[in-house]
Every structure is written in C-alpha cells, then in structure tokens.
Amino acid sequence: MEEIMDEEDNRNNDDNSSNRNDVAPALIAVHPFHISVAVAIASELRVFDLKGNCSVTLKVDSGGSLHHDLIRAIQFGANGKLFVSAGDDKLVKIWKTDSWHCINTVNSEKRVSAVAISNDGHYVCFADKFGVVYVVDLQGLDEDKSLINRKATTILAHYCSIITSLEFSPDGKFVISADRDHKIRVTVFPKKPLAGAHEIQSFCLGHTEFVSCLAFAYSPDCPRGYLVSGGGDSTVRSWDMTFGTLLSTCEVGTEAGSLESNKREEDICHAVTCICTTSNGTSVAVAVQGLQGVILLNCDLSNGTLSTAKVVPIGGGAFIPTCLASSLSSDFLWMVFGVSSLSGVDSPSLLGVRVLSLSKKSATDATADEPMVLEDKEIPGGAKLLEKLQGSVSIEEKLFPVAAEAMKAAMRNLLTKKQYPAENREFRKRGRNDRKFKQ
C-alpha cells in the first residue's frame, strides 16, 4: 500500500508540473447500432454521424467546457442513448447521443481510468487510478433539469490498485473491474447502487501481469455469455464469471513475436492493448503491442473456449492499432492508431483510422467470407469521416514507429509496478506527501 501511495504522490506532483508530457493512446467507440463513431485524442473528442454522413458539434451548457486534459476512457451505452468520456482532467462528461449535448459533468477526486454505463442507462460508473469505483444516478435527469450536477458515490474499491477496465455484464447483473495487479473482480450490481456494492460474485485469477482490457462474447442463445480478458502477459483468456473459472487461454504473443525478432528479448513486450467482440459474438478481435494488424480469435459459445482463427495485417505504413471497436448491427471492425503527443515533434497528436470488413467475399472462394481492410473510399462516411476523425494535419509515416514505442513505454510505466531496492524504500517513505503534511 505504501508503494501505491508513493506512486500516487508522484502523480499528484506531476499534476502540478507545467512540463508534464504524458502519452495517451487514441481511443475509438462505435454506436451499438452503427449510427455514429467517436474518437478521442489528447483532450479532443471528435464525433461523426454515420447516419447523416456529417460531422457532429458537441454542445455544453453556458459556462461549461470540453475536456482540458488527456481523455483516458470513452464508451457508448448499451442502448446507444448515452455516451461517456473521462480522463486526466478529473471530469466525467455524460452526453446524450441524439443531440450530443453534455447533460452532466461529474468531478472526480483523482484522474479517471475507466468508465461504464449500466445496460438500462440509469447509472454511470467510473474508476480512478487509486482503485475506487464511483456510481452516478442518472434517473430523472430528463424530467428534472435542477438535478444536472449530481454527485458521484463510492460503490466499491480495489486495494489501492489502478483499475484498467470496467464493464457491465450483458445481462446487467454484474459490474466487472480489472486492475494492474492481475485481478478481475466480478461484483453483483445492487438494486440500490448508491448504498454500495457489497456482494462479490467471484474473482477471475490467472493473469500473471496486469489486466489491460475486458469484453464479453455472447449471443441471443447465450445471453450471459463469457468474460474475455487481455493482459500484459500476452494472453487472452475466457472465464465463467459466475464461478471465476478459467475456461481457455490463448497465447497471442506468439503471433506477434516474429515481427520483433531483431530486438533483444528483454525489449520485447507483447501486451494486449485492446479486445473487441464482433457483432455475432463468436469472434474476438485482439490488438497487441508491436503487431501491425489484428488477431481474430474464434469463441466457441457452447463452452467458452478460444482459438486463433487468423492474423489480419493492416497496410499503410506502421499502423499498430491502439484501440478497437464494433457495433451490434454491422460487420465492421473499427481501428484507430494514435498517441496524444510525442517529445520533439511539432504535431500535437498522431491519429489514423482504419476499418476492417469481416464479411468481404473471398477472391478465391465466392462462398466464403474473408476479413479485409477497406480502402478509404469504402469506409462508411468516406473522406468526410476521415477528415473529421483524423484531422487535417498530414502525419509522416516515419513517425508511426516512434509513436508505437512511446505508447509501449507509457503503458509499461503506468501499469508495471516499480520495484525499489530495500535501502531506497525508507528514503522514499520519508519523502511522501502525506508524511510531510503530518510533520
């Protein structure tokens, strides 16, 4: 715990530092019914209306503001009516997607690392980097404008560990939280969330490094589905979350290993950065550090096991996806590669968008579907969408490998625990802010 407090003090000091130069990955989220797509890069949120084929202007109340620091989490609600964004400015902004008006801004005590929206749209949960999960009650917001500045209430907490991912189960009965200390916690979402969530259903234990992302593989025939997780140990695992049972482990690092065979073994890191289930629930797309493409896994919903189906390379330079997204009503897999900033580079951010069609007909077999990366003109929204989401700044492709290395270092620094020699620990304890205040 003292080590976590040391690291949190360092982050607080960084918050007050004018020369802070954090690197954050670009994020992407798609409306569940493929109506709109949103990306976040640095402090900027960009949204494109796929149905109207036009860019979206975000609206905030008078006196309000957009984000003013790195955005770390974005998510659409299951019914598509709400969208949430949050990050290092300690603001959680809740948007109505029919008007893209910010209906509520919640202040967090610490920087936010993950967000989730309950399936009925009544609650928003968010987690901070000290391991606390909060809940905001949104019921009645449409009827009572005076309740727009609702406060967040603590619902559960991990033991002083950065929470990396937060999700509601498909049936809405559980809220699942993952952290950098290899743990996945399945908590029963109570009928009265503001009173706290005190019943733990299970722990899913098996990862040997930080857990970076969560998703669900499910279908109408299997509504609860199976929990799928990815981590810093280069594995994707499937779980029966009711009992915390590990069902399958897929070593995806081996698929990416050959791409970095010229590097020293200690420099190679194949952490899973993002996982995303496809519309039919039987495939899981995986993004891995260093892999210029995505790995598609088959999920057998009869028993929840995973197996490697195909590695799909992404053309167009060193495009290494940092985030993946899909919708319930299309066979498109949306990918984004980008970072918030690079030291010594004039451009404020790097961002590229690609779309993978999972149902293109094979050139060799007209009856078979073959995943294929779409040309820019084939992407829904075409040039308009790319101009809105990618921005007008032209980025040199030679910077993409630099950006990938910067993201790898940032992820390692954030999620890998620092190990200090015994002789240094007492010295670091004396320098902690809480000790200074007591003195």
Protein backbone atom coordinates (compact mmCIF):
# COMPACT_ATOMS: atom_id res chain seq x y z
CA MET A 1 0.00 0.00 0.00
CA GLU A 2 2.87 2.35 0.82
CA GLU A 3 4.28 1.76 -2.65
CA ILE A 4 0.96 2.73 -4.24
CA MET A 5 0.82 5.88 -2.10
CA ASP A 6 4.35 6.77 -3.19
CA GLU A 7 3.32 6.44 -6.83
CA GLU A 8 0.12 8.41 -6.29
CA ASP A 9 2.11 11.21 -4.64
CA ASN A 10 4.37 11.28 -7.66
CA ARG A 11 1.32 11.58 -9.91
CA ASN A 12 -0.04 14.42 -7.79
CA ASN A 13 3.29 16.18 -8.14
CA ASP A 14 3.12 15.59 -11.87
CA ASP A 15 -0.36 17.13 -11.97
CA ASN A 16 1.13 20.35 -10.66
CA SER A 17 4.08 20.27 -13.01
CA SER A 18 3.95 22.56 -16.00
CA ASN A 19 6.29 20.39 -18.08
CA ARG A 20 4.30 17.18 -17.78
CA ASN A 21 4.43 15.27 -21.06
CA ASP A 22 2.26 12.17 -20.70
CA VAL A 23 1.47 9.99 -23.67
CA ALA A 24 -2.04 8.56 -24.05
CA PRO A 25 -3.41 6.25 -26.75
CA ALA A 26 -6.04 7.34 -29.23
CA LEU A 27 -9.43 5.76 -28.44
CA ILE A 28 -12.40 4.83 -30.61
CA ALA A 29 -16.01 3.88 -29.82
CA VAL A 30 -18.89 2.98 -32.15
CA HIS A 31 -22.61 3.42 -31.51
CA PRO A 32 -24.16 -0.04 -30.90
CA PHE A 33 -26.48 0.45 -33.89
CA HIS A 34 -23.76 1.95 -36.10
CA ILE A 35 -25.27 5.44 -36.02
CA SER A 36 -22.12 7.35 -35.04
CA VAL A 37 -18.45 6.86 -34.28
CA ALA A 38 -16.30 8.81 -31.80
CA VAL A 39 -12.56 9.09 -31.32
CA ALA A 40 -10.56 10.71 -28.53
CA ILE A 41 -7.05 12.03 -28.98
CA ALA A 42 -5.30 14.04 -26.26
CA SER A 43 -8.05 16.28 -24.83
CA GLU A 44 -10.08 16.37 -28.04
CA LEU A 45 -13.29 14.42 -28.66
CA ARG A 46 -14.33 14.03 -32.31
CA VAL A 47 -17.67 12.55 -33.40
CA PHE A 48 -19.04 11.70 -36.84
CA ASP A 49 -22.70 10.98 -37.61
CA LEU A 50 -22.75 7.89 -39.87
CA LYS A 51 -26.49 8.10 -40.44
CA GLY A 52 -26.45 11.75 -41.51
CA ASN A 53 -22.99 11.50 -43.10
CA CYS A 54 -21.80 14.64 -41.33
CA SER A 55 -19.56 15.77 -38.51
CA VAL A 56 -21.05 16.43 -35.07
CA THR A 57 -20.71 19.58 -32.99
CA LEU A 58 -20.55 18.87 -29.28
CA LYS A 59 -22.69 21.10 -27.07
CA VAL A 60 -22.06 22.10 -23.47
CA ASP A 61 -24.06 24.38 -21.18
CA SER A 62 -23.06 28.02 -20.90
CA GLY A 63 -20.08 28.29 -18.62
CA GLY A 64 -19.20 24.65 -19.23
CA SER A 65 -16.20 23.39 -21.13
CA LEU A 66 -14.91 20.40 -23.05
CA HIS A 67 -12.08 18.30 -21.68
CA HIS A 68 -8.84 20.16 -21.00
CA ASP A 69 -6.51 17.21 -20.35
CA LEU A 70 -5.89 13.72 -21.73
CA ILE A 71 -9.03 11.64 -22.32
CA ARG A 72 -8.47 8.12 -20.99
CA ALA A 73 -11.86 6.43 -21.46
CA ILE A 74 -14.88 6.70 -23.77
CA GLN A 75 -17.93 4.46 -24.09
CA PHE A 76 -21.43 4.27 -25.58
CA GLY A 77 -24.27 2.85 -23.52
CA ALA A 78 -25.82 -0.48 -24.50
CA ASN A 79 -28.94 1.22 -25.91
CA GLY A 80 -26.91 3.96 -27.62
CA LYS A 81 -28.67 6.84 -25.88
CA LEU A 82 -25.73 7.89 -23.71
CA PHE A 83 -22.00 8.39 -24.22
CA VAL A 84 -19.39 8.99 -21.52
CA SER A 85 -15.90 10.49 -21.72
CA ALA A 86 -13.40 10.97 -18.89
CA GLY A 87 -9.72 11.36 -18.18
CA ASP A 88 -6.88 13.21 -16.55
CA ASP A 89 -8.81 16.46 -16.02
CA LYS A 90 -10.83 14.53 -13.39
CA LEU A 91 -14.05 15.25 -15.28
CA VAL A 92 -16.62 12.64 -16.27
CA LYS A 93 -18.82 14.06 -19.01
CA ILE A 94 -22.13 12.39 -19.88
CA TRP A 95 -23.59 13.09 -23.34
CA LYS A 96 -26.98 12.44 -24.94
CA THR A 97 -26.26 10.99 -28.37
CA ASP A 98 -29.41 12.28 -30.09
CA SER A 99 -28.26 15.89 -29.64
CA TRP A 100 -24.66 15.40 -28.47
CA HIS A 101 -25.40 17.72 -25.59
CA CYS A 102 -23.46 17.25 -22.33
CA ILE A 103 -26.21 16.62 -19.77
CA ASN A 104 -23.98 16.17 -16.73
CA THR A 105 -20.37 16.76 -15.68
CA VAL A 106 -19.12 14.92 -12.62
CA ASN A 107 -15.96 15.93 -10.78
CA SER A 108 -13.67 13.12 -9.67
CA GLU A 109 -11.18 13.42 -6.83
CA LYS A 110 -8.48 11.73 -8.92
CA ARG A 111 -7.75 11.06 -12.55
CA VAL A 112 -10.22 8.69 -14.20
CA SER A 113 -9.01 5.47 -15.80
CA ALA A 114 -12.21 3.62 -16.86
CA VAL A 115 -15.95 4.20 -17.39
CA ALA A 116 -19.07 2.04 -17.86
CA ILE A 117 -22.79 2.64 -18.41
CA SER A 118 -25.44 0.30 -16.98
CA ASN A 119 -27.48 -1.53 -19.59
CA ASP A 120 -30.67 0.38 -18.70
CA GLY A 121 -28.85 3.73 -18.89
CA HIS A 122 -29.77 4.63 -15.31
CA TYR A 123 -26.26 4.60 -13.88
CA VAL A 124 -22.75 5.59 -14.91
CA CYS A 125 -19.76 4.08 -13.14
CA PHE A 126 -16.19 5.32 -13.32
CA ALA A 127 -12.93 4.27 -11.73
CA ASP A 128 -9.89 6.28 -10.73
CA LYS A 129 -6.21 5.46 -10.57
CA PHE A 130 -6.33 4.80 -6.83
CA GLY A 131 -8.67 1.84 -7.25
CA VAL A 132 -12.02 3.38 -6.31
CA VAL A 133 -15.19 2.89 -8.39
CA TYR A 134 -17.95 5.50 -8.21
CA VAL A 135 -21.55 5.48 -9.40
CA VAL A 136 -23.74 8.36 -10.63
CA ASP A 137 -27.55 8.03 -10.62
CA LEU A 138 -28.99 9.44 -13.85
CA GLN A 139 -32.64 8.58 -13.24
CA GLY A 140 -34.90 11.57 -13.72
CA LEU A 141 -32.35 13.76 -15.46
CA ASP A 142 -34.64 14.33 -18.43
CA GLU A 143 -37.52 15.42 -16.22
CA ASP A 144 -35.65 17.48 -13.62
CA LYS A 145 -33.02 19.85 -15.01
CA SER A 146 -32.16 21.03 -11.50
CA LEU A 147 -30.50 17.68 -10.79
CA ILE A 148 -27.98 18.07 -13.58
CA ASN A 149 -24.98 18.40 -11.24
CA ARG A 150 -25.36 15.13 -9.42
CA LYS A 151 -22.52 13.87 -7.26
CA ALA A 152 -20.73 10.55 -7.52
CA THR A 153 -20.96 7.98 -4.74
CA THR A 154 -18.40 5.28 -3.94
CA ILE A 155 -19.75 1.85 -4.86
CA LEU A 156 -16.68 -0.42 -4.49
CA ALA A 157 -12.89 -0.36 -4.42
CA HIS A 158 -9.86 -2.46 -5.23
CA TYR A 159 -6.96 -2.46 -2.80
CA CYS A 160 -5.04 0.65 -3.94
CA SER A 161 -4.55 -0.65 -7.48
CA ILE A 162 -5.08 1.19 -10.76
CA ILE A 163 -8.33 -0.03 -12.33
CA THR A 164 -7.71 -0.56 -16.03
CA SER A 165 -11.12 -1.65 -17.31
CA LEU A 166 -14.74 -1.52 -16.19
CA GLU A 167 -17.70 -3.29 -17.81
CA PHE A 168 -21.29 -4.32 -17.10
CA SER A 169 -22.22 -7.91 -17.94
CA PRO A 170 -24.62 -8.35 -20.90
CA ASP A 171 -27.49 -9.23 -18.51
CA GLY A 172 -26.71 -6.20 -16.32
CA LYS A 173 -26.40 -8.28 -13.14
CA PHE A 174 -22.67 -7.75 -12.58
CA VAL A 175 -20.12 -4.99 -12.84
CA ILE A 176 -16.65 -6.30 -13.66
CA SER A 177 -13.46 -4.42 -12.79
CA ALA A 178 -9.87 -5.29 -13.71
CA ASP A 179 -6.66 -3.89 -12.30
CA ARG A 180 -2.92 -3.79 -12.79
CA ASP A 181 -2.39 -6.34 -10.01
CA HIS A 182 -3.59 -9.24 -12.20
CA LYS A 183 -7.09 -9.29 -10.67
CA ILE A 184 -10.54 -9.35 -12.23
CA ARG A 185 -13.39 -8.80 -9.76
CA VAL A 186 -17.00 -9.72 -10.54
CA THR A 187 -19.36 -7.76 -8.29
CA VAL A 188 -23.13 -8.10 -8.05
CA PHE A 189 -24.64 -4.79 -9.17
CA PRO A 190 -27.14 -3.99 -6.39
CA LYS A 191 -30.71 -2.75 -6.71
CA LYS A 192 -29.67 0.33 -4.71
CA PRO A 193 -26.20 1.15 -6.05
CA LEU A 194 -25.86 4.38 -4.06
CA ALA A 195 -25.71 2.24 -0.90
CA GLY A 196 -22.65 0.42 -2.23
CA ALA A 197 -21.96 -2.94 -3.85
CA HIS A 198 -21.04 -5.34 -1.06
CA GLU A 199 -21.53 -8.75 -2.68
CA ILE A 200 -18.59 -10.15 -4.65
CA GLN A 201 -19.66 -12.90 -7.02
CA SER A 202 -16.17 -14.13 -7.89
CA PHE A 203 -12.56 -13.30 -8.67
CA CYS A 204 -11.11 -14.36 -12.02
CA LEU A 205 -7.46 -15.06 -11.24
CA GLY A 206 -4.93 -16.36 -13.75
CA HIS A 207 -3.18 -13.48 -15.49
CA THR A 208 0.45 -13.15 -14.48
CA GLU A 209 0.75 -9.48 -15.45
CA PHE A 210 -1.62 -6.52 -15.42
CA VAL A 211 -5.08 -6.97 -16.94
CA SER A 212 -5.49 -4.32 -19.63
CA CYS A 213 -8.96 -4.89 -21.13
CA LEU A 214 -12.27 -6.72 -20.81
CA ALA A 215 -15.04 -7.74 -23.22
CA PHE A 216 -17.93 -10.21 -23.48
CA ALA A 217 -18.59 -12.96 -26.00
CA TYR A 218 -22.32 -13.67 -26.09
CA SER A 219 -25.27 -14.28 -28.39
CA PRO A 220 -29.10 -14.47 -28.12
CA ASP A 221 -28.72 -18.17 -27.36
CA CYS A 222 -26.11 -17.42 -24.71
CA PRO A 223 -27.28 -14.09 -23.21
CA ARG A 224 -24.98 -14.01 -20.19
CA GLY A 225 -22.01 -15.02 -22.30
CA TYR A 226 -18.42 -15.38 -21.25
CA LEU A 227 -15.99 -12.84 -19.95
CA VAL A 228 -12.88 -12.29 -22.09
CA SER A 229 -9.77 -10.51 -20.83
CA GLY A 230 -6.40 -9.45 -22.21
CA GLY A 231 -3.25 -8.55 -20.33
CA GLY A 232 0.40 -7.73 -20.15
CA ASP A 233 1.25 -11.45 -20.11
CA SER A 234 0.45 -11.64 -23.87
CA THR A 235 -2.62 -13.78 -23.30
CA VAL A 236 -6.34 -13.54 -23.95
CA ARG A 237 -8.40 -15.59 -21.50
CA SER A 238 -12.06 -16.58 -21.28
CA TRP A 239 -13.89 -17.06 -17.99
CA ASP A 240 -17.08 -18.33 -16.45
CA MET A 241 -17.61 -15.23 -14.32
CA THR A 242 -20.25 -16.85 -12.11
CA PHE A 243 -17.63 -19.09 -10.53
CA GLY A 244 -14.43 -17.29 -11.61
CA THR A 245 -13.39 -20.37 -13.59
CA LEU A 246 -10.72 -20.04 -16.28
CA LEU A 247 -12.06 -21.72 -19.42
CA SER A 248 -9.40 -21.02 -22.02
CA THR A 249 -6.05 -19.29 -22.53
CA CYS A 250 -4.83 -18.11 -25.92
CA GLU A 251 -1.15 -17.11 -26.24
CA VAL A 252 -1.43 -14.23 -28.70
CA GLY A 253 2.12 -13.02 -28.06
CA THR A 254 3.45 -15.84 -30.21
CA GLU A 255 1.56 -14.40 -33.19
CA ALA A 256 3.33 -11.05 -32.81
CA GLY A 257 6.76 -12.37 -31.80
CA SER A 258 8.20 -12.73 -35.29
CA LEU A 259 7.63 -9.03 -36.02
CA GLU A 260 10.19 -8.01 -33.43
CA SER A 261 12.64 -10.88 -33.78
CA ASN A 262 15.50 -8.44 -34.37
CA LYS A 263 15.13 -6.93 -30.89
CA ARG A 264 16.66 -8.03 -27.63
CA GLU A 265 14.43 -10.39 -25.68
CA GLU A 266 14.22 -8.00 -22.71
CA ASP A 267 12.95 -5.22 -25.00
CA ILE A 268 10.09 -7.24 -26.47
CA CYS A 269 6.68 -6.64 -24.96
CA HIS A 270 3.53 -8.06 -26.49
CA ALA A 271 0.94 -6.77 -24.07
CA VAL A 272 -2.66 -6.98 -25.25
CA THR A 273 -3.86 -3.38 -25.59
CA CYS A 274 -7.49 -3.91 -26.62
CA ILE A 275 -10.02 -6.65 -27.28
CA CYS A 276 -13.38 -6.37 -29.00
CA THR A 277 -16.10 -8.90 -29.79
CA THR A 278 -17.79 -8.84 -33.19
CA SER A 279 -21.49 -8.47 -33.86
CA ASN A 280 -22.28 -12.20 -33.84
CA GLY A 281 -20.38 -12.75 -30.60
CA THR A 282 -18.37 -15.67 -31.95
CA SER A 283 -15.19 -13.77 -32.86
CA VAL A 284 -12.84 -11.71 -30.71
CA ALA A 285 -10.52 -9.13 -32.27
CA VAL A 286 -7.26 -8.50 -30.43
CA ALA A 287 -4.77 -5.63 -30.67
CA VAL A 288 -1.24 -6.40 -29.48
CA GLN A 289 1.70 -4.08 -28.92
CA GLY A 290 4.04 -4.22 -31.89
CA LEU A 291 1.60 -6.04 -34.17
CA GLN A 292 0.76 -4.21 -37.42
CA GLY A 293 -2.64 -5.81 -37.62
CA VAL A 294 -5.27 -7.58 -35.53
CA ILE A 295 -5.63 -11.15 -34.37
CA LEU A 296 -9.05 -12.74 -34.78
CA LEU A 297 -9.97 -15.46 -32.30
CA ASN A 298 -12.86 -17.90 -32.58
CA CYS A 299 -15.02 -18.25 -29.48
CA ASP A 300 -16.97 -21.47 -29.04
CA LEU A 301 -20.03 -20.24 -27.15
CA SER A 302 -21.00 -23.77 -26.17
CA ASN A 303 -18.06 -23.97 -23.75
CA GLY A 304 -16.39 -20.53 -23.88
CA THR A 305 -13.09 -21.68 -25.36
CA LEU A 306 -10.87 -19.53 -27.60
CA SER A 307 -8.71 -20.44 -30.58
CA THR A 308 -6.69 -18.42 -33.07
CA ALA A 309 -8.52 -18.00 -36.37
CA LYS A 310 -6.46 -15.53 -38.39
CA VAL A 311 -3.95 -12.71 -38.22
CA VAL A 312 -5.08 -9.82 -40.42
CA PRO A 313 -2.27 -7.43 -41.42
CA ILE A 314 -3.08 -3.73 -41.72
CA GLY A 315 -1.45 -1.97 -44.65
CA GLY A 316 -0.50 1.67 -44.89
CA GLY A 317 2.78 2.05 -43.03
CA ALA A 318 3.37 1.03 -39.43
CA PHE A 319 -0.30 1.04 -38.41
CA ILE A 320 -0.42 -0.61 -34.98
CA PRO A 321 -3.95 -0.33 -33.54
CA THR A 322 -4.22 1.22 -30.09
CA CYS A 323 -8.00 0.69 -29.80
CA LEU A 324 -10.72 -1.39 -31.48
CA ALA A 325 -14.49 -1.00 -31.63
CA SER A 326 -17.50 -2.65 -33.27
CA SER A 327 -21.29 -2.38 -33.24
CA LEU A 328 -24.13 -4.86 -32.86
CA SER A 329 -25.59 -4.12 -36.29
CA SER A 330 -22.62 -4.21 -38.67
CA ASP A 331 -19.72 -6.44 -39.66
CA PHE A 332 -17.20 -3.62 -39.46
CA LEU A 333 -14.28 -3.57 -37.03
CA TRP A 334 -13.09 -0.01 -36.44
CA MET A 335 -9.45 0.56 -35.56
CA VAL A 336 -7.51 3.62 -34.52
CA PHE A 337 -3.79 4.18 -34.09
CA GLY A 338 -2.52 7.31 -32.43
CA VAL A 339 -0.91 8.96 -29.44
CA SER A 340 -1.59 12.23 -27.69
CA SER A 341 1.89 13.74 -28.06
CA LEU A 342 5.46 12.93 -28.94
CA SER A 343 8.53 14.56 -27.48
CA GLY A 344 10.33 16.70 -30.04
CA VAL A 345 7.51 16.52 -32.61
CA ASP A 346 5.62 19.68 -33.60
CA SER A 347 2.35 17.90 -34.33
CA PRO A 348 0.01 17.90 -31.30
CA SER A 349 -1.12 14.35 -31.98
CA LEU A 350 -0.91 11.41 -34.37
CA LEU A 351 -4.09 9.69 -35.45
CA GLY A 352 -5.10 7.21 -38.13
CA VAL A 353 -8.39 5.35 -38.67
CA ARG A 354 -8.87 2.04 -40.48
CA VAL A 355 -11.91 -0.20 -40.93
CA LEU A 356 -11.88 -3.96 -41.34
CA SER A 357 -14.81 -5.67 -43.04
CA LEU A 358 -15.42 -9.09 -41.56
CA SER A 359 -17.76 -10.21 -44.34
CA LYS A 360 -15.95 -9.43 -47.60
CA LYS A 361 -16.25 -12.24 -50.12
CA SER A 362 -13.02 -14.13 -50.70
CA ALA A 363 -11.36 -13.64 -54.07
CA THR A 364 -10.63 -17.37 -54.28
CA ASP A 365 -13.89 -18.70 -52.82
CA ALA A 366 -17.08 -16.74 -53.55
CA THR A 367 -18.97 -18.63 -50.84
CA ALA A 368 -16.50 -17.73 -48.07
CA ASP A 369 -16.10 -14.53 -46.09
CA GLU A 370 -12.62 -13.11 -45.71
CA PRO A 371 -11.68 -10.22 -43.38
CA MET A 372 -10.37 -7.34 -45.45
CA VAL A 373 -9.16 -3.81 -44.72
CA LEU A 374 -11.32 -1.29 -46.57
CA GLU A 375 -9.91 1.38 -48.84
CA ASP A 376 -10.51 4.95 -47.65
CA LYS A 377 -13.30 5.46 -50.19
CA GLU A 378 -15.06 2.27 -48.98
CA ILE A 379 -15.16 3.31 -45.33
CA PRO A 380 -18.63 4.41 -44.12
CA GLY A 381 -18.60 8.20 -44.28
CA GLY A 382 -15.65 8.17 -46.67
CA ALA A 383 -13.47 11.26 -46.94
CA LYS A 384 -15.78 13.33 -44.71
CA LEU A 385 -15.38 10.92 -41.85
CA LEU A 386 -11.62 10.63 -42.20
CA GLU A 387 -11.21 14.40 -42.35
CA LYS A 388 -13.25 14.78 -39.16
CA LEU A 389 -11.73 11.95 -37.15
CA GLN A 390 -8.13 12.02 -38.34
CA GLY A 391 -7.91 15.80 -38.60
CA SER A 392 -6.41 17.90 -41.34
CA VAL A 393 -2.80 17.55 -40.20
CA SER A 394 -0.75 15.33 -42.50
CA ILE A 395 1.46 12.98 -40.48
CA GLU A 396 4.67 11.49 -41.81
CA GLU A 397 4.54 7.71 -41.71
CA LYS A 398 8.07 7.55 -40.31
CA LEU A 399 6.68 8.90 -37.02
CA PHE A 400 4.33 5.96 -36.50
CA PRO A 401 7.04 3.55 -35.26
CA VAL A 402 8.23 6.30 -32.89
CA ALA A 403 4.67 6.70 -31.63
CA ALA A 404 4.33 2.94 -31.12
CA GLU A 405 7.48 2.85 -29.00
CA ALA A 406 6.27 5.83 -26.97
CA MET A 407 2.97 4.10 -26.28
CA LYS A 408 4.72 0.90 -25.26
CA ALA A 409 6.88 2.80 -22.77
CA ALA A 410 3.89 4.75 -21.42
CA MET A 411 1.84 1.59 -20.89
CA ARG A 412 4.73 -0.15 -19.17
CA ASN A 413 5.42 2.82 -16.89
CA LEU A 414 1.76 3.14 -15.91
CA LEU A 415 0.83 -0.50 -15.37
CA THR A 416 4.04 -2.18 -14.30
CA LYS A 417 4.77 -1.81 -10.61
CA LYS A 418 8.03 -0.09 -9.80
CA GLN A 419 10.37 -2.26 -7.75
CA TYR A 420 12.67 -0.35 -5.39
CA PRO A 421 15.71 -1.75 -3.56
CA ALA A 422 15.15 -2.20 0.18
CA GLU A 423 17.67 0.51 1.02
CA ASN A 424 15.69 3.07 -1.00
CA ARG A 425 12.25 2.35 0.48
CA GLU A 426 12.71 4.15 3.79
CA PHE A 427 14.09 7.19 1.99
CA ARG A 428 11.08 7.25 -0.35
CA LYS A 429 8.65 6.88 2.56
CA ARG A 430 10.14 9.95 4.24
CA GLY A 431 9.50 11.96 1.07
CA ARG A 432 5.83 11.04 0.75
CA ASN A 433 3.46 13.99 0.73
CA ASP A 434 1.22 12.59 3.48
CA ARG A 435 4.25 12.23 5.78
CA LYS A 436 5.32 15.82 5.01
CA PHE A 437 1.85 17.16 5.87
CA LYS A 438 1.86 15.36 9.24
CA GLN A 439 5.19 16.92 10.09
